[in-house]
């Protein structure tokens, strides 16, 4: 069953630019974008989000090393 939706011209133009090939329908573009979004959401599970939050706290607390500092610590430079 098909449903009609209204799009602003700007949105329609953006969808047209996102086509993978000239004959790709707007439905196919939207479906592809939804699938990409769902894939990204799966990557950011609760554990990953917790790890990101901890990393941000480490940065704020200064518990980080620059690339150059790590090379020195590992004797690579």
Protein backbone atom coordinates (compact mmCIF):
# COMPACT_ATOMS: atom_id res chain seq x y z
CA UNK A 1 0.00 0.00 0.00
CA UNK A 2 1.43 3.36 -1.01
CA UNK A 3 1.10 6.56 0.99
CA UNK A 4 1.54 10.07 -0.31
CA UNK A 5 3.66 12.49 1.72
CA UNK A 6 4.31 16.18 1.27
CA UNK A 7 7.89 17.35 1.02
CA UNK A 8 9.23 20.85 0.95
CA UNK A 9 11.04 21.63 -2.30
CA UNK A 10 14.34 21.89 -0.43
CA UNK A 11 13.87 18.40 1.02
CA UNK A 12 12.95 16.98 -2.38
CA UNK A 13 16.05 18.57 -3.91
CA UNK A 14 18.24 17.07 -1.18
CA UNK A 15 16.72 13.63 -1.73
CA UNK A 16 17.36 13.96 -5.46
CA UNK A 17 21.04 14.71 -4.77
CA UNK A 18 21.27 11.61 -2.57
CA UNK A 19 20.20 9.26 -5.34
CA UNK A 20 22.70 6.45 -5.88
CA UNK A 21 21.71 6.35 -9.55
CA UNK A 22 19.42 8.57 -11.68
CA UNK A 23 16.44 6.19 -11.72
CA UNK A 24 16.45 5.55 -7.96
CA UNK A 25 13.02 6.46 -6.59
CA UNK A 26 12.52 8.71 -3.59
CA UNK A 27 11.15 5.68 -1.73
CA UNK A 28 14.37 3.79 -2.43
CA UNK A 29 16.47 6.76 -1.28
CA UNK A 30 14.50 7.09 1.95
CA UNK A 31 14.64 3.32 2.58
CA UNK A 32 18.41 3.33 2.05
CA UNK A 33 18.82 6.26 4.46
CA UNK A 34 16.67 4.53 7.08
CA UNK A 35 18.76 1.37 6.77
CA UNK A 36 21.97 3.37 7.18
CA UNK A 37 20.52 5.07 10.24
CA UNK A 38 19.47 1.75 11.77
CA UNK A 39 22.96 0.35 11.16
CA UNK A 40 24.49 3.32 12.99
CA UNK A 41 22.08 2.93 15.89
CA UNK A 42 23.12 -0.71 16.33
CA UNK A 43 26.76 0.32 16.61
CA UNK A 44 26.01 2.64 19.52
CA UNK A 45 24.74 0.13 22.05
CA UNK A 46 24.65 0.90 25.77
CA UNK A 47 28.20 -0.34 26.38
CA UNK A 48 29.59 1.78 23.55
CA UNK A 49 27.77 4.87 24.81
CA UNK A 50 29.16 4.22 28.31
CA UNK A 51 32.68 3.89 26.89
CA UNK A 52 32.28 7.17 25.01
CA UNK A 53 31.09 8.94 28.16
CA UNK A 54 34.07 7.59 30.11
CA UNK A 55 36.46 8.72 27.38
CA UNK A 56 34.98 12.21 27.44
CA UNK A 57 35.46 12.32 31.22
CA UNK A 58 39.09 11.21 30.78
CA UNK A 59 39.66 14.04 28.31
CA UNK A 60 38.06 16.59 30.63
CA UNK A 61 40.20 15.34 33.54
CA UNK A 62 43.38 15.51 31.47
CA UNK A 63 43.95 11.75 31.51
CA UNK A 64 45.11 11.68 27.89
CA UNK A 65 48.36 11.66 25.93
CA UNK A 66 49.09 13.29 22.60
CA UNK A 67 50.30 11.17 19.72
CA UNK A 68 53.81 12.54 20.18
CA UNK A 69 53.77 11.79 23.93
CA UNK A 70 52.75 8.18 23.29
CA UNK A 71 55.48 7.69 20.70
CA UNK A 72 58.04 8.92 23.25
CA UNK A 73 56.61 6.70 26.01
CA UNK A 74 56.79 3.69 23.69
CA UNK A 75 60.28 4.58 22.51
CA UNK A 76 59.20 5.09 18.93
CA UNK A 77 60.82 8.47 18.47
